[in-house]
Amino acid sequence: PNLSDAMHRAGEIKGLVKITPGVKLVGQALTVRSYPGDWAKPVEAIDKAKKGEVIVIDAGEIGPAVWGELATHSAIQKRLGGVVIDGAIRDVPEIVTLKFPAYARLITPTAGEPRGFGEIGIPIRIGGVSIFTGDWLVGDEDGIVVIPQKKAVEIANRAMDVLERENRIREEILEGGTLSSVTELLRWEKE
């Protein structure tokens, strides 16, 4: 939430489901454009990805699945940071057991087929957000935020300011204040 606040509520990928509860996703994007159910380029991206990177797949918002347990095992071997899919994922119980950070538009039991269409490392758009290879992704139970690579340091500094402000407000509330009094809410209300 602090990153979202620091970005003035921009950068949130909307409409994806968190697959792996209790596991955070952090890393730089390696983007993939594939076609629904075509898992060839996502699997190829695993081989091309560097340690810590997050595979971000535009698979047309529908199934069949372009990712499952075997792709997850491969990504874990490469020590990748997670996967974000604008399309379908399968083998959810296994992925949860492996604690691999994953988000997807939908879950399906149906596997796709490798056809080899698509591209790796090109700009994509998911959930209303443009994503480029190298952009940072941070995901938790509240959702995913995309931070443009060129603004990462600035946004991180702003997020720290937001956190410090929230910590101060929390302390004042715990000392007996109310949220409206601490934030001077009435001052902001229109007369």
C-alpha atoms as a PDB file:
ATOM      1  CA  PRO A   1       0.000   0.000   0.000  1.00  0.00           C
ATOM      2  CA  ASN A   2       2.842   2.443   0.734  1.00  0.00           C
ATOM      3  CA  LEU A   3       4.164   2.034  -2.810  1.00  0.00           C
ATOM      4  CA  SER A   4       0.700   2.626  -4.247  1.00  0.00           C
ATOM      5  CA  ASP A   5       0.354   5.757  -2.123  1.00  0.00           C
ATOM      6  CA  ALA A   6       3.832   6.902  -3.179  1.00  0.00           C
ATOM      7  CA  MET A   7       2.797   6.516  -6.819  1.00  0.00           C
ATOM      8  CA  HIS A   8      -0.417   8.474  -6.203  1.00  0.00           C
ATOM      9  CA  ARG A   9      -2.418   5.263  -6.681  1.00  0.00           C
ATOM     10  CA  ALA A  10      -0.998   4.572 -10.155  1.00  0.00           C
ATOM     11  CA  GLY A  11       0.654   1.325 -11.215  1.00  0.00           C
ATOM     12  CA  GLU A  12      -1.822  -1.142  -9.697  1.00  0.00           C
ATOM     13  CA  ILE A  13      -2.488  -4.180 -11.882  1.00  0.00           C
ATOM     14  CA  LYS A  14      -6.234  -4.705 -11.592  1.00  0.00           C
ATOM     15  CA  GLY A  15      -8.165  -7.955 -11.757  1.00  0.00           C
ATOM     16  CA  LEU A  16      -5.534 -10.585 -10.962  1.00  0.00           C
ATOM     17  CA  VAL A  17      -5.901 -13.291  -8.315  1.00  0.00           C
ATOM     18  CA  LYS A  18      -3.132 -13.928  -5.795  1.00  0.00           C
ATOM     19  CA  ILE A  19      -2.356 -17.626  -6.090  1.00  0.00           C
ATOM     20  CA  THR A  20       0.146 -18.091  -3.257  1.00  0.00           C
ATOM     21  CA  PRO A  21      -1.038 -16.682   0.091  1.00  0.00           C
ATOM     22  CA  GLY A  22       1.512 -15.348   2.541  1.00  0.00           C
ATOM     23  CA  VAL A  23       4.263 -15.033  -0.079  1.00  0.00           C
ATOM     24  CA  LYS A  24       5.436 -11.648  -1.373  1.00  0.00           C
ATOM     25  CA  LEU A  25       6.496 -11.004  -4.937  1.00  0.00           C
ATOM     26  CA  VAL A  26       9.387  -8.599  -5.594  1.00  0.00           C
ATOM     27  CA  GLY A  27      11.550  -8.371  -8.679  1.00  0.00           C
ATOM     28  CA  GLN A  28      12.194  -6.831 -12.052  1.00  0.00           C
ATOM     29  CA  ALA A  29       9.975  -7.827 -14.957  1.00  0.00           C
ATOM     30  CA  LEU A  30      10.847  -9.989 -17.913  1.00  0.00           C
ATOM     31  CA  THR A  31       7.847  -9.461 -20.177  1.00  0.00           C
ATOM     32  CA  VAL A  32       6.264 -12.089 -22.422  1.00  0.00           C
ATOM     33  CA  ARG A  33       3.467 -11.790 -24.965  1.00  0.00           C
ATOM     34  CA  SER A  34       1.885 -15.131 -25.712  1.00  0.00           C
ATOM     35  CA  TYR A  35      -1.423 -16.355 -27.051  1.00  0.00           C
ATOM     36  CA  PRO A  36      -4.098 -17.977 -24.899  1.00  0.00           C
ATOM     37  CA  GLY A  37      -2.880 -21.418 -23.903  1.00  0.00           C
ATOM     38  CA  ASP A  38       0.456 -21.168 -25.752  1.00  0.00           C
ATOM     39  CA  TRP A  39       3.046 -21.925 -23.069  1.00  0.00           C
ATOM     40  CA  ALA A  40       6.128 -22.039 -25.349  1.00  0.00           C
ATOM     41  CA  LYS A  41       7.255 -18.408 -24.843  1.00  0.00           C
ATOM     42  CA  PRO A  42       6.620 -18.422 -21.058  1.00  0.00           C
ATOM     43  CA  VAL A  43       8.809 -21.541 -20.740  1.00  0.00           C
ATOM     44  CA  GLU A  44      11.459 -20.008 -23.010  1.00  0.00           C
ATOM     45  CA  ALA A  45      11.386 -16.892 -20.813  1.00  0.00           C
ATOM     46  CA  ILE A  46      12.303 -19.013 -17.782  1.00  0.00           C
ATOM     47  CA  ASP A  47      15.539 -19.951 -19.552  1.00  0.00           C
ATOM     48  CA  LYS A  48      16.266 -16.313 -20.478  1.00  0.00           C
ATOM     49  CA  ALA A  49      15.392 -14.810 -17.097  1.00  0.00           C
ATOM     50  CA  LYS A  50      18.013 -13.746 -14.577  1.00  0.00           C
ATOM     51  CA  LYS A  51      17.930 -14.652 -10.901  1.00  0.00           C
ATOM     52  CA  GLY A  52      15.204 -12.702  -9.077  1.00  0.00           C
ATOM     53  CA  GLU A  53      13.310 -11.616 -12.178  1.00  0.00           C
ATOM     54  CA  VAL A  54       9.534 -11.942 -12.399  1.00  0.00           C
ATOM     55  CA  ILE A  55       8.062 -13.429 -15.571  1.00  0.00           C
ATOM     56  CA  VAL A  56       5.133 -11.203 -16.615  1.00  0.00           C
ATOM     57  CA  ILE A  57       2.917 -12.817 -19.246  1.00  0.00           C
ATOM     58  CA  ASP A  58       0.243 -11.227 -21.420  1.00  0.00           C
ATOM     59  CA  ALA A  59      -1.702 -14.322 -22.501  1.00  0.00           C
ATOM     60  CA  GLY A  60      -4.873 -12.619 -23.649  1.00  0.00           C
ATOM     61  CA  GLU A  61      -6.796 -12.666 -20.349  1.00  0.00           C
ATOM     62  CA  ILE A  62      -8.230 -16.174 -20.945  1.00  0.00           C
ATOM     63  CA  GLY A  63      -7.303 -19.865 -20.800  1.00  0.00           C
ATOM     64  CA  PRO A  64      -6.136 -22.497 -21.322  1.00  0.00           C
ATOM     65  CA  ALA A  65      -3.218 -22.314 -18.878  1.00  0.00           C
ATOM     66  CA  VAL A  66       0.206 -21.039 -19.916  1.00  0.00           C
ATOM     67  CA  TRP A  67       1.764 -21.914 -16.520  1.00  0.00           C
ATOM     68  CA  GLY A  68       1.605 -24.794 -14.056  1.00  0.00           C
ATOM     69  CA  GLU A  69       3.574 -26.933 -11.635  1.00  0.00           C
ATOM     70  CA  LEU A  70       6.364 -27.940 -14.026  1.00  0.00           C
ATOM     71  CA  ALA A  71       7.028 -24.355 -15.134  1.00  0.00           C
ATOM     72  CA  THR A  72       7.095 -23.426 -11.443  1.00  0.00           C
ATOM     73  CA  HIS A  73       9.704 -26.090 -10.641  1.00  0.00           C
ATOM     74  CA  SER A  74      11.815 -24.786 -13.529  1.00  0.00           C
ATOM     75  CA  ALA A  75      11.450 -21.172 -12.324  1.00  0.00           C
ATOM     76  CA  ILE A  76      12.443 -22.189  -8.792  1.00  0.00           C
ATOM     77  CA  GLN A  77      15.583 -23.877 -10.143  1.00  0.00           C
ATOM     78  CA  LYS A  78      16.462 -20.554 -11.839  1.00  0.00           C
ATOM     79  CA  ARG A  79      15.685 -18.718  -8.551  1.00  0.00           C
ATOM     80  CA  LEU A  80      13.151 -16.438 -10.201  1.00  0.00           C
ATOM     81  CA  GLY A  81      11.064 -13.965  -8.210  1.00  0.00           C
ATOM     82  CA  GLY A  82       7.631 -15.073  -9.368  1.00  0.00           C
ATOM     83  CA  VAL A  83       5.128 -15.056 -12.213  1.00  0.00           C
ATOM     84  CA  VAL A  84       2.301 -12.681 -13.145  1.00  0.00           C
ATOM     85  CA  ILE A  85      -0.121 -13.933 -15.790  1.00  0.00           C
ATOM     86  CA  ASP A  86      -2.819 -12.049 -17.649  1.00  0.00           C
ATOM     87  CA  GLY A  87      -4.317 -15.394 -18.551  1.00  0.00           C
ATOM     88  CA  ALA A  88      -4.696 -18.782 -16.909  1.00  0.00           C
ATOM     89  CA  ILE A  89      -2.665 -20.838 -14.443  1.00  0.00           C
ATOM     90  CA  ARG A  90      -3.168 -24.432 -13.278  1.00  0.00           C
ATOM     91  CA  ASP A  91      -1.775 -26.814 -10.620  1.00  0.00           C
ATOM     92  CA  VAL A  92      -2.538 -24.274  -7.901  1.00  0.00           C
ATOM     93  CA  PRO A  93      -2.214 -26.655  -4.898  1.00  0.00           C
ATOM     94  CA  GLU A  94       1.294 -27.626  -6.022  1.00  0.00           C
ATOM     95  CA  ILE A  95       2.329 -24.004  -6.633  1.00  0.00           C
ATOM     96  CA  VAL A  96       1.009 -23.039  -3.186  1.00  0.00           C
ATOM     97  CA  THR A  97       2.971 -25.920  -1.598  1.00  0.00           C
ATOM     98  CA  LEU A  98       6.107 -24.720  -3.404  1.00  0.00           C
ATOM     99  CA  LYS A  99       5.469 -21.174  -2.058  1.00  0.00           C
ATOM    100  CA  PHE A 100       6.255 -19.651  -5.452  1.00  0.00           C
ATOM    101  CA  PRO A 101       4.875 -16.101  -5.825  1.00  0.00           C
ATOM    102  CA  ALA A 102       2.168 -16.181  -8.495  1.00  0.00           C
ATOM    103  CA  TYR A 103      -0.744 -14.048  -9.688  1.00  0.00           C
ATOM    104  CA  ALA A 104      -3.101 -14.843 -12.567  1.00  0.00           C
ATOM    105  CA  ARG A 105      -6.301 -13.618 -14.177  1.00  0.00           C
ATOM    106  CA  LEU A 106      -7.939 -17.045 -13.764  1.00  0.00           C
ATOM    107  CA  ILE A 107      -7.424 -20.637 -12.677  1.00  0.00           C
ATOM    108  CA  THR A 108      -8.237 -23.586 -14.923  1.00  0.00           C
ATOM    109  CA  PRO A 109      -7.508 -27.322 -15.023  1.00  0.00           C
ATOM    110  CA  THR A 110      -6.964 -27.129 -18.787  1.00  0.00           C
ATOM    111  CA  ALA A 111      -3.394 -27.082 -20.096  1.00  0.00           C
ATOM    112  CA  GLY A 112      -2.518 -25.235 -23.250  1.00  0.00           C
ATOM    113  CA  GLU A 113      -0.177 -26.388 -25.991  1.00  0.00           C
ATOM    114  CA  PRO A 114       3.249 -25.059 -27.021  1.00  0.00           C
ATOM    115  CA  ARG A 115       2.904 -23.341 -30.387  1.00  0.00           C
ATOM    116  CA  GLY A 116       5.733 -20.814 -30.136  1.00  0.00           C
ATOM    117  CA  PHE A 117       3.800 -17.657 -30.996  1.00  0.00           C
ATOM    118  CA  GLY A 118       4.624 -14.452 -29.162  1.00  0.00           C
ATOM    119  CA  GLU A 119       7.608 -12.416 -28.057  1.00  0.00           C
ATOM    120  CA  ILE A 120       9.854 -11.946 -25.032  1.00  0.00           C
ATOM    121  CA  GLY A 121      11.087  -8.609 -23.703  1.00  0.00           C
ATOM    122  CA  ILE A 122       8.558  -6.346 -25.405  1.00  0.00           C
ATOM    123  CA  PRO A 123       6.245  -3.762 -23.805  1.00  0.00           C
ATOM    124  CA  ILE A 124       2.940  -5.276 -22.664  1.00  0.00           C
ATOM    125  CA  ARG A 125      -0.203  -3.997 -20.955  1.00  0.00           C
ATOM    126  CA  ILE A 126      -1.908  -5.891 -18.125  1.00  0.00           C
ATOM    127  CA  GLY A 127      -4.812  -4.759 -15.952  1.00  0.00           C
ATOM    128  CA  GLY A 128      -4.557  -1.193 -17.217  1.00  0.00           C
ATOM    129  CA  VAL A 129      -0.792  -0.867 -16.638  1.00  0.00           C
ATOM    130  CA  SER A 130       1.987  -0.722 -19.225  1.00  0.00           C
ATOM    131  CA  ILE A 131       4.915  -2.942 -18.234  1.00  0.00           C
ATOM    132  CA  PHE A 132       8.418  -2.951 -19.686  1.00  0.00           C
ATOM    133  CA  THR A 133      11.200  -5.434 -19.094  1.00  0.00           C
ATOM    134  CA  GLY A 134      13.193  -4.043 -16.156  1.00  0.00           C
ATOM    135  CA  ASP A 135      10.242  -2.417 -14.375  1.00  0.00           C
ATOM    136  CA  TRP A 136       9.867  -3.423 -10.731  1.00  0.00           C
ATOM    137  CA  LEU A 137       6.892  -5.435  -9.472  1.00  0.00           C
ATOM    138  CA  VAL A 138       5.904  -5.651  -5.820  1.00  0.00           C
ATOM    139  CA  GLY A 139       2.997  -7.859  -4.818  1.00  0.00           C
ATOM    140  CA  ASP A 140       1.367  -8.909  -1.562  1.00  0.00           C
ATOM    141  CA  GLU A 141      -2.129  -9.745  -0.295  1.00  0.00           C
ATOM    142  CA  ASP A 142      -3.388  -6.308  -1.392  1.00  0.00           C
ATOM    143  CA  GLY A 143      -2.320  -6.714  -5.026  1.00  0.00           C
ATOM    144  CA  ILE A 144       0.552  -5.842  -7.350  1.00  0.00           C
ATOM    145  CA  VAL A 145       2.132  -2.481  -8.095  1.00  0.00           C
ATOM    146  CA  VAL A 146       4.367  -1.852 -11.115  1.00  0.00           C
ATOM    147  CA  ILE A 147       7.115   0.725 -10.622  1.00  0.00           C
ATOM    148  CA  PRO A 148       8.769   2.054 -13.783  1.00  0.00           C
ATOM    149  CA  GLN A 149      12.475   1.242 -13.710  1.00  0.00           C
ATOM    150  CA  LYS A 150      13.507   4.872 -14.237  1.00  0.00           C
ATOM    151  CA  LYS A 151      11.429   5.993 -11.216  1.00  0.00           C
ATOM    152  CA  ALA A 152      12.291   3.145  -8.824  1.00  0.00           C
ATOM    153  CA  VAL A 153      14.586   5.115  -6.482  1.00  0.00           C
ATOM    154  CA  GLU A 154      12.244   8.116  -6.365  1.00  0.00           C
ATOM    155  CA  ILE A 155       9.210   5.917  -5.625  1.00  0.00           C
ATOM    156  CA  ALA A 156      11.105   3.923  -2.967  1.00  0.00           C
ATOM    157  CA  ASN A 157      12.033   7.172  -1.199  1.00  0.00           C
ATOM    158  CA  ARG A 158       8.442   8.424  -1.374  1.00  0.00           C
ATOM    159  CA  ALA A 159       7.194   5.093   0.002  1.00  0.00           C
ATOM    160  CA  MET A 160       9.530   5.466   2.983  1.00  0.00           C
ATOM    161  CA  ASP A 161       8.067   8.932   3.616  1.00  0.00           C
ATOM    162  CA  VAL A 162       4.550   7.449   3.482  1.00  0.00           C
ATOM    163  CA  LEU A 163       5.575   4.711   5.933  1.00  0.00           C
ATOM    164  CA  GLU A 164       7.083   7.232   8.367  1.00  0.00           C
ATOM    165  CA  ARG A 165       3.914   9.348   8.224  1.00  0.00           C
ATOM    166  CA  GLU A 166       1.700   6.287   8.824  1.00  0.00           C
ATOM    167  CA  ASN A 167       3.887   5.172  11.743  1.00  0.00           C
ATOM    168  CA  ARG A 168       3.514   8.616  13.324  1.00  0.00           C
ATOM    169  CA  ILE A 169      -0.268   8.565  12.840  1.00  0.00           C
ATOM    170  CA  ARG A 170      -0.468   5.032  14.287  1.00  0.00           C
ATOM    171  CA  GLU A 171       1.495   6.138  17.385  1.00  0.00           C
ATOM    172  CA  GLU A 172      -0.773   9.136  17.926  1.00  0.00           C
ATOM    173  CA  ILE A 173      -3.877   6.935  17.647  1.00  0.00           C
ATOM    174  CA  LEU A 174      -2.404   4.439  20.130  1.00  0.00           C
ATOM    175  CA  GLU A 175      -1.795   7.357  22.511  1.00  0.00           C
ATOM    176  CA  GLY A 176      -5.529   8.153  22.479  1.00  0.00           C
ATOM    177  CA  GLY A 177      -6.082  10.204  19.336  1.00  0.00           C
ATOM    178  CA  THR A 178      -8.567   9.362  16.631  1.00  0.00           C
ATOM    179  CA  LEU A 179      -7.815   9.072  12.939  1.00  0.00           C
ATOM    180  CA  SER A 180      -9.851  12.183  12.138  1.00  0.00           C
ATOM    181  CA  SER A 181      -8.166  14.280  14.839  1.00  0.00           C
ATOM    182  CA  VAL A 182      -4.648  13.098  14.020  1.00  0.00           C
ATOM    183  CA  THR A 183      -5.057  13.719  10.283  1.00  0.00           C
ATOM    184  CA  GLU A 184      -7.023  16.931  10.873  1.00  0.00           C
ATOM    185  CA  LEU A 185      -9.772  15.481   8.678  1.00  0.00           C
ATOM    186  CA  LEU A 186     -12.284  18.221   9.411  1.00  0.00           C
ATOM    187  CA  ARG A 187      -9.867  20.747   7.948  1.00  0.00           C
ATOM    188  CA  TRP A 188     -10.100  18.939   4.610  1.00  0.00           C
ATOM    189  CA  GLU A 189     -13.884  18.564   4.492  1.00  0.00           C
ATOM    190  CA  LYS A 190     -15.737  20.984   2.258  1.00  0.00           C
ATOM    191  CA  GLU A 191     -17.909  23.500   4.014  1.00  0.00           C
END
